[in-house]
Amino acid sequence: MASYGFDKADMEQVHNRFNDHFNALRLEDSIELAGKLIRSGNNTLIHLGIHLLSLRRNELGPPHFWVLDDLIDSFVRWGNVDHLCGSLVQPLLERYPPHVH
């Protein structure tokens, strides 16, 4: 597993510096960039990709569930799953309860 040595403070700086840029992306571009980050295999970039998707959680819906399902295969730690579930899956399932099986 690759690591760039970012700690929590480093990631907060990245979030603070680039959130405006992330928020300006179209939904499709956010999904594409998040996919590239998550598929990198780097735990730090995976969390950044999940964060990027979580910024768009109000625009995501059932047509996008395949994206989340596809990206899970690239996770390298249980923390990735926890982050995705807490940031995206739980809010989406609350909004779309018929999709809970």
Foldseek 3Di string as FASTA:
>chain_A
DDEPPDDPVNVVVVCVVCVVVLLPDDLVVLLVCLLVQLQVLYQSSVLVSLVSVLSCQVVDAPVCVVSVVVSVVSDDDVVSVVSNCVRHVVVRCVVVVVPPD
